[in-house]
Amino acid sequence: MTKTKALCFIFAGMAAGFVSGIFDPIFYGVRGAVLGGTLAMGLIVWRRYYEKEGQCMSIWRLHGIAIGVASLACALSVVLSVLLYTQWFPESYNAKQIKAGMESNLWIVHVLGTFVTCLFFAWGMLFCERSCALRQGRVIKNFFFFGMPALSVIPRAVSFGDTLSSGELPIGFLGTVIFCFVVGLLPFLLLWGIVARLFGFFYEKTYEESGKLNE
């Protein structure tokens, strides 16, 4: 993958993530863009390693990349959310929720929930690409792409605290899980997955044509 194509993939991934949260662009759009861009970076690191070494990287190294991607995405998401709402929209509902969470130490739960959410996405995308390189079954590949990120809705719902349960949307914890799945997970996977496929990821044929052995 050339540097130009890699850079285009990062920006395209950010754009897809932003559009997936367009109904609330300042909150969900920005977070989606951050996650989309960092996931693209992780896949680029994977692809460059494969192209250089001609084989899949070790499981531990893959976990390391996933943790790095999740840490970067979490840090950028939290910092940008705080800055956007406390500095630019201090009177908004989300700004008041952020301030209330920081005063009651609920921000710790929110940050941990955001990190775990990003980690599930990073694990899913990286291991999905690895399953393509190893030419594993479609069931395994689909589990990593759809199933692993789907597990993220639980820590994501927990990270909301009582924001949706007792705030403007009194829908309870189960309702929050469904909300995260329908509004957050599905649009992101659909749009970002399309972009990733357009840039040649998640194709077994990509590795078959490389002529390199996989381990």
N, C-alpha and C. Protein backbone atom coordinates (compact mmCIF):
# COMPACT_ATOMS: atom_id res chain seq x y z
N MET A 1 0.84 -1.19 0.00
CA MET A 1 0.00 0.00 0.00
C MET A 1 0.88 1.24 0.00
N THR A 2 0.65 2.11 -0.94
CA THR A 2 1.44 3.33 -1.04
C THR A 2 1.05 4.31 0.07
N LYS A 3 1.91 5.30 0.32
CA LYS A 3 1.63 6.29 1.35
C LYS A 3 0.40 7.12 1.00
N THR A 4 0.27 7.43 -0.27
CA THR A 4 -0.89 8.22 -0.70
C THR A 4 -2.20 7.46 -0.47
N LYS A 5 -2.20 6.19 -0.84
CA LYS A 5 -3.40 5.39 -0.65
C LYS A 5 -3.70 5.20 0.83
N ALA A 6 -2.65 5.01 1.64
CA ALA A 6 -2.84 4.85 3.08
C ALA A 6 -3.45 6.11 3.69
N LEU A 7 -2.94 7.26 3.28
CA LEU A 7 -3.47 8.52 3.79
C LEU A 7 -4.92 8.73 3.37
N CYS A 8 -5.21 8.38 2.13
CA CYS A 8 -6.59 8.50 1.64
C CYS A 8 -7.52 7.57 2.42
N PHE A 9 -7.04 6.38 2.75
CA PHE A 9 -7.85 5.44 3.52
C PHE A 9 -8.15 5.98 4.91
N ILE A 10 -7.18 6.62 5.55
CA ILE A 10 -7.39 7.19 6.87
C ILE A 10 -8.46 8.27 6.82
N PHE A 11 -8.35 9.17 5.85
CA PHE A 11 -9.33 10.25 5.73
C PHE A 11 -10.70 9.72 5.33
N ALA A 12 -10.73 8.71 4.47
CA ALA A 12 -12.00 8.11 4.07
C ALA A 12 -12.65 7.41 5.26
N GLY A 13 -11.83 6.73 6.07
CA GLY A 13 -12.35 6.09 7.27
C GLY A 13 -12.91 7.10 8.26
N MET A 14 -12.23 8.24 8.39
CA MET A 14 -12.72 9.31 9.26
C MET A 14 -14.03 9.87 8.74
N ALA A 15 -14.12 10.05 7.44
CA ALA A 15 -15.34 10.59 6.84
C ALA A 15 -16.52 9.64 7.05
N ALA A 16 -16.27 8.34 6.85
CA ALA A 16 -17.33 7.35 7.05
C ALA A 16 -17.80 7.34 8.50
N GLY A 17 -16.85 7.40 9.43
CA GLY A 17 -17.20 7.44 10.84
C GLY A 17 -18.00 8.67 11.20
N PHE A 18 -17.61 9.80 10.63
CA PHE A 18 -18.34 11.05 10.91
C PHE A 18 -19.77 10.98 10.38
N VAL A 19 -19.94 10.50 9.16
CA VAL A 19 -21.27 10.42 8.56
C VAL A 19 -22.16 9.46 9.35
N SER A 20 -21.57 8.40 9.93
CA SER A 20 -22.36 7.44 10.69
C SER A 20 -22.99 8.08 11.93
N GLY A 21 -22.43 9.18 12.42
CA GLY A 21 -22.99 9.86 13.58
C GLY A 21 -23.51 11.23 13.24
N ILE A 22 -23.98 11.39 12.02
CA ILE A 22 -24.35 12.72 11.51
C ILE A 22 -25.56 13.31 12.24
N PHE A 23 -26.40 12.47 12.87
CA PHE A 23 -27.58 13.02 13.53
C PHE A 23 -27.17 13.85 14.75
N ASP A 24 -25.97 13.61 15.28
CA ASP A 24 -25.40 14.45 16.34
C ASP A 24 -23.91 14.61 16.02
N PRO A 25 -23.60 15.43 15.01
CA PRO A 25 -22.22 15.50 14.49
C PRO A 25 -21.17 15.93 15.51
N ILE A 26 -21.54 16.80 16.45
CA ILE A 26 -20.56 17.27 17.42
C ILE A 26 -20.17 16.17 18.38
N PHE A 27 -21.10 15.31 18.73
CA PHE A 27 -20.80 14.24 19.70
C PHE A 27 -20.47 12.94 19.00
N TYR A 28 -21.45 12.35 18.32
CA TYR A 28 -21.24 11.05 17.69
C TYR A 28 -20.44 11.14 16.40
N GLY A 29 -20.62 12.22 15.66
CA GLY A 29 -19.87 12.38 14.42
C GLY A 29 -18.37 12.46 14.66
N VAL A 30 -17.98 13.28 15.62
CA VAL A 30 -16.55 13.43 15.93
C VAL A 30 -15.98 12.13 16.47
N ARG A 31 -16.71 11.47 17.36
CA ARG A 31 -16.24 10.19 17.90
C ARG A 31 -16.11 9.13 16.80
N GLY A 32 -17.09 9.11 15.89
CA GLY A 32 -17.02 8.16 14.79
C GLY A 32 -15.84 8.42 13.89
N ALA A 33 -15.55 9.70 13.65
CA ALA A 33 -14.40 10.06 12.81
C ALA A 33 -13.10 9.62 13.45
N VAL A 34 -12.99 9.82 14.76
CA VAL A 34 -11.78 9.42 15.49
C VAL A 34 -11.59 7.90 15.41
N LEU A 35 -12.65 7.16 15.70
CA LEU A 35 -12.56 5.70 15.66
C LEU A 35 -12.28 5.20 14.25
N GLY A 36 -12.96 5.79 13.26
CA GLY A 36 -12.74 5.38 11.87
C GLY A 36 -11.31 5.60 11.43
N GLY A 37 -10.73 6.74 11.79
CA GLY A 37 -9.34 7.03 11.41
C GLY A 37 -8.34 6.14 12.10
N THR A 38 -8.52 5.88 13.39
CA THR A 38 -7.57 5.05 14.12
C THR A 38 -7.66 3.59 13.70
N LEU A 39 -8.86 3.10 13.40
CA LEU A 39 -8.99 1.74 12.89
C LEU A 39 -8.28 1.59 11.55
N ALA A 40 -8.40 2.61 10.71
CA ALA A 40 -7.70 2.59 9.43
C ALA A 40 -6.20 2.52 9.64
N MET A 41 -5.68 3.27 10.61
CA MET A 41 -4.25 3.22 10.92
C MET A 41 -3.82 1.82 11.34
N GLY A 42 -4.64 1.18 12.18
CA GLY A 42 -4.31 -0.17 12.62
C GLY A 42 -4.23 -1.16 11.48
N LEU A 43 -5.19 -1.09 10.55
CA LEU A 43 -5.17 -2.00 9.41
C LEU A 43 -3.99 -1.71 8.48
N ILE A 44 -3.60 -0.46 8.38
CA ILE A 44 -2.45 -0.11 7.55
C ILE A 44 -1.17 -0.69 8.14
N VAL A 45 -1.04 -0.60 9.48
CA VAL A 45 0.12 -1.21 10.15
C VAL A 45 0.16 -2.70 9.88
N TRP A 46 -1.01 -3.36 9.98
CA TRP A 46 -1.09 -4.80 9.70
C TRP A 46 -0.65 -5.10 8.27
N ARG A 47 -1.19 -4.37 7.31
CA ARG A 47 -0.91 -4.64 5.90
C ARG A 47 0.56 -4.40 5.57
N ARG A 48 1.13 -3.34 6.12
CA ARG A 48 2.56 -3.05 5.85
C ARG A 48 3.45 -4.15 6.42
N TYR A 49 3.10 -4.68 7.59
CA TYR A 49 3.88 -5.77 8.17
C TYR A 49 3.80 -7.00 7.29
N TYR A 50 2.58 -7.31 6.83
CA TYR A 50 2.42 -8.49 5.98
C TYR A 50 3.19 -8.35 4.68
N GLU A 51 3.10 -7.18 4.07
CA GLU A 51 3.79 -6.95 2.80
C GLU A 51 5.30 -7.02 2.96
N LYS A 52 5.80 -6.66 4.14
CA LYS A 52 7.23 -6.68 4.38
C LYS A 52 7.73 -8.07 4.77
N GLU A 53 6.98 -8.73 5.66
CA GLU A 53 7.42 -10.02 6.20
C GLU A 53 6.89 -11.22 5.43
N GLY A 54 5.77 -11.04 4.71
CA GLY A 54 5.20 -12.14 3.96
C GLY A 54 4.46 -13.15 4.80
N GLN A 55 4.11 -12.78 6.02
CA GLN A 55 3.37 -13.68 6.89
C GLN A 55 2.58 -12.87 7.91
N CYS A 56 1.66 -13.56 8.60
CA CYS A 56 0.86 -12.88 9.61
C CYS A 56 1.71 -12.57 10.84
N MET A 57 1.45 -11.44 11.44
CA MET A 57 2.17 -11.11 12.67
C MET A 57 1.63 -11.95 13.82
N SER A 58 2.40 -12.04 14.89
CA SER A 58 2.03 -12.87 16.03
C SER A 58 0.77 -12.32 16.71
N ILE A 59 0.08 -13.21 17.43
CA ILE A 59 -1.13 -12.82 18.15
C ILE A 59 -0.83 -11.69 19.13
N TRP A 60 0.29 -11.80 19.84
CA TRP A 60 0.62 -10.80 20.85
C TRP A 60 0.88 -9.44 20.22
N ARG A 61 1.52 -9.42 19.08
CA ARG A 61 1.76 -8.15 18.40
C ARG A 61 0.45 -7.56 17.91
N LEU A 62 -0.44 -8.44 17.46
CA LEU A 62 -1.75 -7.97 17.01
C LEU A 62 -2.54 -7.37 18.18
N HIS A 63 -2.46 -8.00 19.34
CA HIS A 63 -3.11 -7.45 20.53
C HIS A 63 -2.50 -6.09 20.88
N GLY A 64 -1.21 -5.97 20.73
CA GLY A 64 -0.54 -4.71 21.02
C GLY A 64 -1.04 -3.58 20.13
N ILE A 65 -1.21 -3.88 18.83
CA ILE A 65 -1.73 -2.88 17.90
C ILE A 65 -3.16 -2.50 18.28
N ALA A 66 -3.96 -3.51 18.63
CA ALA A 66 -5.35 -3.25 19.01
C ALA A 66 -5.43 -2.35 20.24
N ILE A 67 -4.60 -2.62 21.23
CA ILE A 67 -4.59 -1.80 22.44
C ILE A 67 -4.12 -0.38 22.11
N GLY A 68 -3.13 -0.27 21.24
CA GLY A 68 -2.65 1.05 20.83
C GLY A 68 -3.73 1.84 20.10
N VAL A 69 -4.43 1.18 19.19
CA VAL A 69 -5.51 1.82 18.45
C VAL A 69 -6.62 2.27 19.40
N ALA A 70 -7.01 1.38 20.32
CA ALA A 70 -8.08 1.70 21.26
C ALA A 70 -7.67 2.85 22.19
N SER A 71 -6.42 2.85 22.64
CA SER A 71 -5.95 3.90 23.54
C SER A 71 -5.97 5.26 22.85
N LEU A 72 -5.49 5.29 21.61
CA LEU A 72 -5.47 6.55 20.86
C LEU A 72 -6.89 7.03 20.58
N ALA A 73 -7.76 6.13 20.14
CA ALA A 73 -9.14 6.50 19.84
C ALA A 73 -9.86 6.99 21.09
N CYS A 74 -9.66 6.31 22.21
CA CYS A 74 -10.30 6.69 23.46
C CYS A 74 -9.83 8.06 23.92
N ALA A 75 -8.51 8.27 23.92
CA ALA A 75 -7.96 9.54 24.38
C ALA A 75 -8.45 10.70 23.53
N LEU A 76 -8.40 10.55 22.21
CA LEU A 76 -8.85 11.62 21.32
C LEU A 76 -10.35 11.88 21.47
N SER A 77 -11.14 10.81 21.60
CA SER A 77 -12.58 10.98 21.74
C SER A 77 -12.95 11.74 23.00
N VAL A 78 -12.34 11.34 24.11
CA VAL A 78 -12.66 11.98 25.39
C VAL A 78 -12.21 13.44 25.40
N VAL A 79 -10.98 13.68 24.97
CA VAL A 79 -10.45 15.05 24.98
C VAL A 79 -11.27 15.95 24.06
N LEU A 80 -11.57 15.48 22.85
CA LEU A 80 -12.34 16.30 21.92
C LEU A 80 -13.76 16.55 22.42
N SER A 81 -14.38 15.55 23.04
CA SER A 81 -15.73 15.73 23.56
C SER A 81 -15.76 16.79 24.65
N VAL A 82 -14.80 16.69 25.56
CA VAL A 82 -14.73 17.66 26.66
C VAL A 82 -14.49 19.06 26.12
N LEU A 83 -13.54 19.20 25.21
CA LEU A 83 -13.22 20.52 24.67
C LEU A 83 -14.39 21.11 23.88
N LEU A 84 -15.00 20.28 23.04
CA LEU A 84 -16.08 20.78 22.20
C LEU A 84 -17.26 21.29 23.02
N TYR A 85 -17.61 20.50 24.04
CA TYR A 85 -18.81 20.86 24.79
C TYR A 85 -18.55 21.90 25.88
N THR A 86 -17.44 21.80 26.57
CA THR A 86 -17.19 22.75 27.65
C THR A 86 -16.72 24.10 27.14
N GLN A 87 -16.07 24.13 25.97
CA GLN A 87 -15.54 25.38 25.44
C GLN A 87 -16.47 26.02 24.41
N TRP A 88 -17.07 25.22 23.54
CA TRP A 88 -17.87 25.78 22.44
C TRP A 88 -19.37 25.74 22.72
N PHE A 89 -19.83 24.71 23.44
CA PHE A 89 -21.27 24.59 23.71
C PHE A 89 -21.50 24.36 25.21
N PRO A 90 -21.08 25.29 26.04
CA PRO A 90 -21.13 25.09 27.49
C PRO A 90 -22.54 24.96 28.07
N GLU A 91 -23.55 25.48 27.36
CA GLU A 91 -24.92 25.43 27.87
C GLU A 91 -25.72 24.26 27.32
N SER A 92 -25.10 23.43 26.51
CA SER A 92 -25.83 22.31 25.92
C SER A 92 -26.07 21.21 26.94
N TYR A 93 -27.00 20.31 26.61
CA TYR A 93 -27.33 19.20 27.51
C TYR A 93 -26.13 18.28 27.73
N ASN A 94 -25.41 17.96 26.64
CA ASN A 94 -24.25 17.08 26.77
C ASN A 94 -23.16 17.71 27.61
N ALA A 95 -22.98 19.04 27.51
CA ALA A 95 -21.97 19.72 28.32
C ALA A 95 -22.31 19.59 29.80
N LYS A 96 -23.58 19.74 30.13
CA LYS A 96 -24.01 19.61 31.53
C LYS A 96 -23.80 18.19 32.03
N GLN A 97 -24.04 17.19 31.16
CA GLN A 97 -23.83 15.79 31.55
C GLN A 97 -22.35 15.52 31.79
N ILE A 98 -21.49 16.08 30.94
CA ILE A 98 -20.05 15.90 31.10
C ILE A 98 -19.57 16.51 32.40
N LYS A 99 -20.03 17.72 32.70
CA LYS A 99 -19.63 18.40 33.93
C LYS A 99 -20.12 17.64 35.16
N ALA A 100 -21.37 17.15 35.10
CA ALA A 100 -21.92 16.39 36.22
C ALA A 100 -21.14 15.10 36.43
N GLY A 101 -20.75 14.44 35.33
CA GLY A 101 -19.97 13.21 35.44
C GLY A 101 -18.60 13.45 36.03
N MET A 102 -17.96 14.56 35.66
CA MET A 102 -16.63 14.88 36.19
C MET A 102 -16.70 15.21 37.68
N GLU A 103 -17.77 15.83 38.10
CA GLU A 103 -17.92 16.18 39.52
C GLU A 103 -18.21 14.96 40.38
N SER A 104 -18.85 13.94 39.82
CA SER A 104 -19.22 12.75 40.58
C SER A 104 -18.30 11.56 40.32
N ASN A 105 -17.21 11.78 39.60
CA ASN A 105 -16.24 10.73 39.25
C ASN A 105 -16.80 9.66 38.32
N LEU A 106 -17.97 9.92 37.73
CA LEU A 106 -18.49 8.98 36.74
C LEU A 106 -17.69 9.02 35.44
N TRP A 107 -16.84 10.03 35.30
CA TRP A 107 -16.03 10.13 34.09
C TRP A 107 -15.08 8.95 33.97
N ILE A 108 -14.71 8.36 35.11
CA ILE A 108 -13.83 7.19 35.07
C ILE A 108 -14.53 6.03 34.36
N VAL A 109 -15.80 5.82 34.72
CA VAL A 109 -16.60 4.76 34.07
C VAL A 109 -16.75 5.06 32.59
N HIS A 110 -16.98 6.32 32.28
CA HIS A 110 -17.16 6.72 30.89
C HIS A 110 -15.90 6.47 30.07
N VAL A 111 -14.75 6.84 30.61
CA VAL A 111 -13.49 6.66 29.89
C VAL A 111 -13.19 5.17 29.70
N LEU A 112 -13.39 4.38 30.76
CA LEU A 112 -13.14 2.94 30.65
C LEU A 112 -14.10 2.31 29.64
N GLY A 113 -15.36 2.71 29.67
CA GLY A 113 -16.33 2.19 28.71
C GLY A 113 -15.96 2.54 27.29
N THR A 114 -15.49 3.77 27.09
CA THR A 114 -15.08 4.20 25.75
C THR A 114 -13.87 3.40 25.27
N PHE A 115 -12.91 3.17 26.18
CA PHE A 115 -11.72 2.39 25.81
C PHE A 115 -12.08 0.96 25.43
N VAL A 116 -12.90 0.32 26.24
CA VAL A 116 -13.28 -1.07 25.96
C VAL A 116 -14.07 -1.15 24.65
N THR A 117 -14.93 -0.16 24.41
CA THR A 117 -15.68 -0.11 23.15
C THR A 117 -14.73 -0.06 21.96
N CYS A 118 -13.77 0.86 22.02
CA CYS A 118 -12.79 0.99 20.93
C CYS A 118 -11.96 -0.28 20.79
N LEU A 119 -11.65 -0.93 21.91
CA LEU A 119 -10.84 -2.15 21.88
C LEU A 119 -11.56 -3.28 21.16
N PHE A 120 -12.86 -3.43 21.40
CA PHE A 120 -13.63 -4.46 20.72
C PHE A 120 -13.65 -4.22 19.21
N PHE A 121 -13.78 -2.96 18.81
CA PHE A 121 -13.75 -2.63 17.39
C PHE A 121 -12.37 -2.95 16.80
N ALA A 122 -11.31 -2.57 17.50
CA ALA A 122 -9.95 -2.81 17.01
C ALA A 122 -9.67 -4.31 16.90
N TRP A 123 -10.04 -5.07 17.93
CA TRP A 123 -9.88 -6.52 17.87
C TRP A 123 -10.63 -7.09 16.67
N GLY A 124 -11.87 -6.68 16.51
CA GLY A 124 -12.70 -7.23 15.44
C GLY A 124 -12.11 -6.98 14.06
N MET A 125 -11.74 -5.74 13.78
CA MET A 125 -11.23 -5.41 12.44
C MET A 125 -9.87 -6.05 12.16
N LEU A 126 -8.98 -6.04 13.13
CA LEU A 126 -7.64 -6.61 12.93
C LEU A 126 -7.70 -8.13 12.78
N PHE A 127 -8.49 -8.78 13.60
CA PHE A 127 -8.58 -10.24 13.50
C PHE A 127 -9.39 -10.66 12.28
N CYS A 128 -10.31 -9.81 11.82
CA CYS A 128 -11.02 -10.10 10.58
C CYS A 128 -10.04 -10.09 9.41
N GLU A 129 -9.17 -9.09 9.38
CA GLU A 129 -8.16 -9.03 8.31
C GLU A 129 -7.19 -10.21 8.41
N ARG A 130 -6.84 -10.60 9.62
CA ARG A 130 -5.95 -11.75 9.82
C ARG A 130 -6.62 -13.04 9.33
N SER A 131 -7.93 -13.18 9.57
CA SER A 131 -8.63 -14.38 9.12
C SER A 131 -8.67 -14.45 7.59
N CYS A 132 -8.67 -13.27 6.94
CA CYS A 132 -8.61 -13.25 5.48
C CYS A 132 -7.25 -13.74 5.00
N ALA A 133 -6.19 -13.30 5.67
CA ALA A 133 -4.85 -13.72 5.28
C ALA A 133 -4.66 -15.21 5.48
N LEU A 134 -5.29 -15.76 6.52
CA LEU A 134 -5.17 -17.19 6.81
C LEU A 134 -6.22 -18.01 6.05
N ARG A 135 -7.07 -17.31 5.30
CA ARG A 135 -8.13 -17.95 4.51
C ARG A 135 -9.00 -18.84 5.39
N GLN A 136 -9.39 -18.28 6.52
CA GLN A 136 -10.28 -19.00 7.42
C GLN A 136 -11.71 -18.90 6.92
N GLY A 137 -12.61 -19.64 7.56
CA GLY A 137 -13.99 -19.70 7.11
C GLY A 137 -14.72 -18.38 7.21
N ARG A 138 -15.79 -18.27 6.43
CA ARG A 138 -16.59 -17.05 6.42
C ARG A 138 -17.24 -16.79 7.77
N VAL A 139 -17.58 -17.87 8.48
CA VAL A 139 -18.22 -17.70 9.79
C VAL A 139 -17.28 -16.99 10.75
N ILE A 140 -16.01 -17.41 10.77
CA ILE A 140 -15.02 -16.78 11.65
C ILE A 140 -14.81 -15.33 11.25
N LYS A 141 -14.69 -15.09 9.96
CA LYS A 141 -14.48 -13.74 9.47
C LYS A 141 -15.64 -12.83 9.85
N ASN A 142 -16.88 -13.30 9.66
CA ASN A 142 -18.04 -12.49 9.98
C ASN A 142 -18.19 -12.26 11.48
N PHE A 143 -17.75 -13.26 12.27
CA PHE A 143 -17.81 -13.06 13.72
C PHE A 143 -16.90 -11.90 14.13
N PHE A 144 -15.69 -11.89 13.59
CA PHE A 144 -14.77 -10.81 13.94
C PHE A 144 -15.28 -9.45 13.47
N PHE A 145 -15.86 -9.41 12.27
CA PHE A 145 -16.30 -8.12 11.73
C PHE A 145 -17.59 -7.62 12.38
N PHE A 146 -18.55 -8.52 12.60
CA PHE A 146 -19.83 -8.11 13.15
C PHE A 146 -19.96 -8.43 14.64
N GLY A 147 -19.59 -9.67 15.01
CA GLY A 147 -19.81 -10.12 16.38
C GLY A 147 -18.97 -9.41 17.43
N MET A 148 -17.67 -9.26 17.15
CA MET A 148 -16.79 -8.63 18.13
C MET A 148 -17.20 -7.18 18.41
N PRO A 149 -17.42 -6.35 17.36
CA PRO A 149 -17.89 -4.98 17.64
C PRO A 149 -19.26 -4.96 18.33
N ALA A 150 -20.12 -5.95 18.02
CA ALA A 150 -21.45 -5.99 18.64
C ALA A 150 -21.35 -6.14 20.15
N LEU A 151 -20.31 -6.83 20.61
CA LEU A 151 -20.12 -6.99 22.05
C LEU A 151 -19.81 -5.66 22.73
N SER A 152 -19.38 -4.67 21.94
CA SER A 152 -19.00 -3.39 22.52
C SER A 152 -20.19 -2.58 23.00
N VAL A 153 -21.41 -2.95 22.58
CA VAL A 153 -22.56 -2.13 22.97
C VAL A 153 -22.82 -2.21 24.47
N ILE A 154 -22.40 -3.30 25.10
CA ILE A 154 -22.64 -3.43 26.55
C ILE A 154 -21.76 -2.46 27.34
N PRO A 155 -20.41 -2.51 27.17
CA PRO A 155 -19.61 -1.49 27.88
C PRO A 155 -19.94 -0.07 27.44
N ARG A 156 -20.36 0.10 26.19
CA ARG A 156 -20.73 1.43 25.73
C ARG A 156 -21.97 1.92 26.47
N ALA A 157 -22.94 1.03 26.65
CA ALA A 157 -24.15 1.40 27.38
C ALA A 157 -23.83 1.71 28.83
N VAL A 158 -22.93 0.93 29.43
CA VAL A 158 -22.53 1.19 30.80
C VAL A 158 -21.85 2.55 30.92
N SER A 159 -21.05 2.90 29.92
CA SER A 159 -20.31 4.16 29.97
C SER A 159 -21.22 5.38 29.90
N PHE A 160 -22.45 5.18 29.41
CA PHE A 160 -23.40 6.29 29.38
C PHE A 160 -23.88 6.65 30.78
N GLY A 161 -23.75 5.69 31.73
CA GLY A 161 -24.26 5.93 33.07
C GLY A 161 -25.76 6.10 33.02
N ASP A 162 -26.26 7.15 33.67
CA ASP A 162 -27.71 7.38 33.65
C ASP A 162 -28.09 8.47 32.66
N THR A 163 -27.18 8.76 31.72
CA THR A 163 -27.45 9.84 30.76
C THR A 163 -28.72 9.57 29.96
N LEU A 164 -28.87 8.34 29.45
CA LEU A 164 -30.06 8.01 28.66
C LEU A 164 -31.18 7.45 29.52
N SER A 165 -30.80 6.83 30.65
CA SER A 165 -31.81 6.19 31.49
C SER A 165 -32.69 7.20 32.22
N SER A 166 -32.08 8.32 32.65
CA SER A 166 -32.85 9.29 33.43
C SER A 166 -32.80 10.68 32.84
N GLY A 167 -32.18 10.83 31.67
CA GLY A 167 -32.06 12.16 31.06
C GLY A 167 -33.17 12.42 30.07
N GLU A 168 -32.77 12.92 28.89
CA GLU A 168 -33.77 13.28 27.90
C GLU A 168 -34.43 12.05 27.28
N LEU A 169 -33.75 10.89 27.37
CA LEU A 169 -34.31 9.66 26.83
C LEU A 169 -34.42 8.62 27.95
N PRO A 170 -35.51 8.61 28.72
CA PRO A 170 -35.65 7.66 29.83
C PRO A 170 -35.98 6.26 29.32
N ILE A 171 -34.99 5.57 28.82
CA ILE A 171 -35.24 4.29 28.15
C ILE A 171 -34.67 3.09 28.90
N GLY A 172 -34.01 3.30 30.05
CA GLY A 172 -33.48 2.18 30.81
C GLY A 172 -32.22 1.60 30.20
N PHE A 173 -31.59 0.63 30.90
CA PHE A 173 -30.32 0.08 30.43
C PHE A 173 -30.49 -0.72 29.15
N LEU A 174 -31.52 -1.59 29.10
CA LEU A 174 -31.75 -2.38 27.89
C LEU A 174 -32.02 -1.47 26.70
N GLY A 175 -32.79 -0.42 26.92
CA GLY A 175 -33.04 0.53 25.85
C GLY A 175 -31.77 1.23 25.41
N THR A 176 -30.86 1.49 26.36
CA THR A 176 -29.59 2.11 26.02
C THR A 176 -28.74 1.18 25.16
N VAL A 177 -28.77 -0.12 25.50
CA VAL A 177 -28.04 -1.11 24.69
C VAL A 177 -28.56 -1.14 23.27
N ILE A 178 -29.88 -1.17 23.12
CA ILE A 178 -30.50 -1.17 21.79
C ILE A 178 -30.17 0.13 21.05
N PHE A 179 -30.21 1.25 21.75
CA PHE A 179 -29.89 2.54 21.17
C PHE A 179 -28.45 2.54 20.63
N CYS A 180 -27.50 2.04 21.44
CA CYS A 180 -26.10 1.99 21.01
C CYS A 180 -25.92 1.08 19.80
N PHE A 181 -26.69 -0.01 19.76
CA PHE A 181 -26.57 -0.97 18.67
C PHE A 181 -27.11 -0.39 17.36
N VAL A 182 -28.31 0.18 17.43
CA VAL A 182 -28.99 0.65 16.22
C VAL A 182 -28.41 1.97 15.72
N VAL A 183 -28.19 2.90 16.64
CA VAL A 183 -27.77 4.24 16.25
C VAL A 183 -26.25 4.36 16.10
N GLY A 184 -25.50 3.61 16.92
CA GLY A 184 -24.06 3.73 16.88
C GLY A 184 -23.34 2.65 16.08
N LEU A 185 -23.63 1.39 16.40
CA LEU A 185 -22.87 0.27 15.81
C LEU A 185 -23.19 0.05 14.34
N LEU A 186 -24.45 -0.13 14.01
CA LEU A 186 -24.83 -0.52 12.65
C LEU A 186 -24.43 0.52 11.59
N PRO A 187 -24.73 1.80 11.78
CA PRO A 187 -24.31 2.78 10.75
C PRO A 187 -22.80 2.83 10.57
N PHE A 188 -22.06 2.72 11.68
CA PHE A 188 -20.61 2.78 11.59
C PHE A 188 -20.07 1.58 10.82
N LEU A 189 -20.51 0.37 11.19
CA LEU A 189 -20.02 -0.83 10.51
C LEU A 189 -20.37 -0.80 9.02
N LEU A 190 -21.56 -0.34 8.71
CA LEU A 190 -22.00 -0.31 7.31
C LEU A 190 -21.12 0.65 6.49
N LEU A 191 -21.00 1.88 6.92
CA LEU A 191 -20.27 2.88 6.15
C LEU A 191 -18.77 2.65 6.16
N TRP A 192 -18.22 2.39 7.35
CA TRP A 192 -16.78 2.19 7.45
C TRP A 192 -16.37 0.89 6.75
N GLY A 193 -17.21 -0.15 6.88
CA GLY A 193 -16.90 -1.41 6.21
C GLY A 193 -16.87 -1.27 4.71
N ILE A 194 -17.78 -0.47 4.15
CA ILE A 194 -17.78 -0.23 2.71
C ILE A 194 -16.49 0.45 2.28
N VAL A 195 -16.07 1.46 3.04
CA VAL A 195 -14.82 2.17 2.72
C VAL A 195 -13.63 1.22 2.77
N ALA A 196 -13.57 0.39 3.81
CA ALA A 196 -12.46 -0.55 3.96
C ALA A 196 -12.41 -1.54 2.79
N ARG A 197 -13.56 -2.01 2.36
CA ARG A 197 -13.60 -2.93 1.22
C ARG A 197 -13.15 -2.24 -0.06
N LEU A 198 -13.55 -0.99 -0.23
CA LEU A 198 -13.14 -0.24 -1.41
C LEU A 198 -11.63 -0.06 -1.47
N PHE A 199 -10.98 -0.02 -0.32
CA PHE A 199 -9.53 0.13 -0.27
C PHE A 199 -8.80 -1.21 -0.21
N GLY A 200 -9.53 -2.31 -0.44
CA GLY A 200 -8.89 -3.61 -0.57
C GLY A 200 -8.72 -4.42 0.70
N PHE A 201 -9.42 -4.06 1.77
CA PHE A 201 -9.33 -4.84 3.00
C PHE A 201 -10.46 -5.84 3.08
N PHE A 202 -10.26 -6.88 3.90
CA PHE A 202 -11.24 -7.94 4.13
C PHE A 202 -11.52 -8.77 2.89
N TYR A 203 -10.51 -8.92 2.03
CA TYR A 203 -10.60 -9.77 0.84
C TYR A 203 -9.56 -10.89 0.94
N GLU A 204 -10.01 -12.15 0.89
CA GLU A 204 -9.05 -13.25 0.84
C GLU A 204 -8.22 -13.18 -0.44
N LYS A 205 -8.85 -12.71 -1.52
CA LYS A 205 -8.18 -12.66 -2.82
C LYS A 205 -6.95 -11.76 -2.78
N THR A 206 -6.97 -10.75 -1.93
CA THR A 206 -5.81 -9.85 -1.81
C THR A 206 -4.57 -10.63 -1.43
N TYR A 207 -4.72 -11.59 -0.54
CA TYR A 207 -3.58 -12.37 -0.07
C TYR A 207 -3.25 -13.51 -1.01
N GLU A 208 -4.25 -14.02 -1.71
CA GLU A 208 -3.99 -15.07 -2.69
C GLU A 208 -3.15 -14.52 -3.85
N GLU A 209 -3.42 -13.29 -4.23
CA GLU A 209 -2.69 -12.69 -5.34
C GLU A 209 -1.29 -12.24 -4.95
N SER A 210 -1.03 -12.12 -3.64
CA SER A 210 0.29 -11.66 -3.22
C SER A 210 1.36 -12.71 -3.46
N GLY A 211 0.94 -13.99 -3.48
CA GLY A 211 1.90 -15.06 -3.71
C GLY A 211 2.78 -15.37 -2.53
N LYS A 212 2.44 -14.83 -1.36
CA LYS A 212 3.25 -15.06 -0.17
C LYS A 212 2.61 -16.13 0.70
N LEU A 213 3.44 -16.83 1.44
CA LEU A 213 2.95 -17.88 2.33
C LEU A 213 2.44 -17.26 3.60
N ASN A 214 1.38 -17.86 4.16
CA ASN A 214 0.82 -17.40 5.42
C ASN A 214 1.09 -18.45 6.50
N GLU A 215 1.26 -17.96 7.70
CA GLU A 215 1.49 -18.86 8.83
C GLU A 215 0.35 -18.74 9.83
